[in-house]
């Protein structure tokens, strides 16, 4: 492959030429670049040899030739862009600048993200975060399309080889009912008690519900009757309040539950809701996204994880 003409001119040579043009002196240019005067002279001479013509008119006051001034004008513009880009990259790597876009499942977004976002903002006040409330399919699509840097939500299974998932924690599912429901005063309900209940199914495309359905069928011989499919947790809570049904939800959403609802533990089987971080498998994360993921590993915890 033939060499490009620009490969013969170095960034250091361009800086030397621009400094000589600005100061009008090899000595002052050397001081500005923290080099010796012979080093500046050598850089300019090598550049003139590469371009096969003089760039500098030497004398008491250094001046540029026509070709030299053309190179100086180009060097100043190029060096400004390079310096700005290098500075921006360093600011990002040092977490002094950057932006993270998060695609977060509806159940996780309202209950777990606000305290995490608050902690992240306090630790890294110059980093901007955007949260996109998402269904399971939207979360996957947004990470695949690079609309989002990271996804957080229920386990997505093994369907997408382009994605890497990292388990963060596992929460127990509870039965959410209105406070006057026959099961509301129980401490624990068996899976068999779920058979006759009308269910409000939140985010039915999530992979976790297939696992829950298999467990209920195999361990309790229960096949829940779904009365309503919804995407938003607030809609599910509204339907429960209206008496339209009950819902199986991760226990951590109890912090958002209206006062007239109850969350009852489920046993035999104990149903679990794994929460994972999702990213592109072969695409490096930005420094800001890496910092957010590191914080999520340590601080995205269910507020009621210790409860049965």
Foldseek 3Di string as FASTA:
>chain_A
DDDDLCVQQDLVLLLLLLLCAVVQDLCRSCVVVVHHSVVSVVSQVSVCVSVVHHQWDDDPGIDGDPVNVVSNVVSVVVVVVVVVVVVVQVCQLVLVAEEFEEEEEQLCCPQFVPVLVVVLCVVRVRYYYHYHHDFPVRRVVCQVVVVGAKYKFFDQPDPDPQKDKAWQDKFWKWKKAFCPDPCNPDQEDELLVQQPWAEEAESVVGPLVVVVQVQSCPQVVHHHHYPHYYHHPVVRLVCRNVVVTMYIDGPLSVVVHPPRMHTHAYVRPTRMTIMIMMHGPPDDGGSSVVVSVVSCSPRRDRPPRVDD
